[in-house]
N, C-alpha and C. Protein backbone atom coordinates (compact mmCIF):
# COMPACT_ATOMS: atom_id res chain seq x y z
N UNK A 1 21.23 -10.29 133.33
CA UNK A 1 20.36 -11.23 133.26
C UNK A 1 19.00 -11.59 132.72
N UNK A 2 18.51 -11.74 131.48
CA UNK A 2 17.82 -12.67 131.23
C UNK A 2 18.82 -13.72 131.95
N UNK A 3 19.61 -14.13 130.84
CA UNK A 3 20.30 -15.46 131.34
C UNK A 3 20.41 -15.79 132.23
N UNK A 4 20.94 -14.96 133.84
CA UNK A 4 20.85 -15.02 134.64
C UNK A 4 19.12 -15.79 135.13
N UNK A 5 18.08 -15.60 134.78
CA UNK A 5 17.23 -16.15 134.84
C UNK A 5 16.96 -17.51 133.96
N UNK A 6 16.61 -18.06 133.37
CA UNK A 6 16.33 -18.46 132.24
C UNK A 6 17.98 -19.41 132.61
N UNK A 7 18.88 -19.69 133.40
CA UNK A 7 19.74 -20.33 133.78
C UNK A 7 19.14 -21.39 135.27
N UNK A 8 18.89 -20.01 135.95
CA UNK A 8 18.07 -20.92 137.74
C UNK A 8 16.38 -21.29 137.28
N UNK A 9 15.48 -21.32 135.61
CA UNK A 9 14.34 -21.44 135.62
C UNK A 9 15.05 -23.37 134.98
N UNK A 10 16.08 -23.48 134.20
CA UNK A 10 16.57 -24.86 133.72
C UNK A 10 16.41 -25.45 135.35
N UNK A 11 17.64 -25.10 135.59
CA UNK A 11 17.69 -25.97 137.36
C UNK A 11 16.55 -26.01 137.55
N UNK A 12 15.64 -25.43 137.67
CA UNK A 12 14.46 -25.79 138.37
C UNK A 12 13.92 -26.83 137.80
N UNK A 13 13.47 -26.73 136.67
CA UNK A 13 12.72 -27.94 135.67
C UNK A 13 14.27 -28.36 136.24
N UNK A 14 14.79 -28.53 135.84
CA UNK A 14 16.14 -29.89 135.91
C UNK A 14 15.26 -31.21 137.85
N UNK A 15 15.30 -30.27 138.40
CA UNK A 15 15.59 -30.67 139.54
C UNK A 15 14.25 -31.54 139.74
N UNK A 16 12.91 -31.14 139.17
CA UNK A 16 12.30 -30.97 139.15
C UNK A 16 11.41 -32.16 138.41
N UNK A 17 12.23 -32.32 137.27
CA UNK A 17 11.26 -33.43 136.36
C UNK A 17 12.20 -34.91 137.16
N UNK A 18 13.64 -34.51 137.99
CA UNK A 18 14.51 -35.98 138.27
C UNK A 18 13.32 -36.85 139.32
N UNK A 19 13.48 -35.51 139.79
CA UNK A 19 12.67 -35.82 140.98
C UNK A 19 11.19 -36.73 140.64
N UNK A 20 10.05 -36.26 139.93
CA UNK A 20 8.94 -36.50 139.10
C UNK A 20 10.25 -38.37 139.05
N UNK A 21 11.01 -38.57 137.88
CA UNK A 21 11.10 -38.97 136.91
C UNK A 21 11.80 -40.57 138.49
N UNK A 22 11.80 -40.01 139.36
CA UNK A 22 12.53 -40.91 140.69
C UNK A 22 10.93 -41.05 141.09
N UNK A 23 10.18 -40.92 141.24
CA UNK A 23 9.16 -41.29 142.37
C UNK A 23 8.35 -41.95 141.52
N UNK A 24 7.48 -41.74 139.96
CA UNK A 24 7.94 -42.65 139.48
C UNK A 24 8.87 -44.04 139.33
N UNK A 25 9.71 -44.03 139.11
CA UNK A 25 10.49 -45.31 138.74
C UNK A 25 9.76 -45.82 140.18
N UNK A 26 10.33 -45.24 141.36
CA UNK A 26 9.90 -45.71 142.29
C UNK A 26 9.24 -46.59 142.68
N UNK A 27 7.37 -45.62 142.78
CA UNK A 27 5.87 -46.60 142.91
C UNK A 27 6.09 -47.71 142.14
N UNK A 28 6.76 -47.56 140.65
CA UNK A 28 6.92 -48.67 139.57
C UNK A 28 7.43 -49.86 140.11
N UNK A 29 8.78 -49.79 140.44
CA UNK A 29 9.59 -50.92 141.07
C UNK A 29 9.05 -52.04 142.29
N UNK A 30 8.45 -50.26 143.38
CA UNK A 30 7.82 -50.71 144.71
C UNK A 30 6.16 -51.92 144.13
N UNK A 31 5.19 -51.35 143.19
CA UNK A 31 4.66 -52.49 142.67
C UNK A 31 4.97 -53.57 141.70
N UNK A 32 6.26 -53.75 141.63
CA UNK A 32 6.52 -54.61 141.11
C UNK A 32 7.09 -55.77 141.47
N UNK A 33 7.50 -55.76 143.44
CA UNK A 33 8.48 -55.77 144.25
C UNK A 33 7.10 -56.65 144.26
N UNK A 34 6.31 -55.60 145.42
CA UNK A 34 4.54 -55.94 146.34
C UNK A 34 4.52 -57.26 145.72
N UNK A 35 4.28 -58.29 145.00
CA UNK A 35 3.67 -58.88 143.85
C UNK A 35 4.22 -60.70 145.14
């Protein structure tokens, strides 16, 4: 049970971090190409 909770938490964290980094990459990309 504990390992399952850790798995779910790490999965959620992984998805969240990937979304955050993707968002930052888009901001940087668009700000560089808007000039």
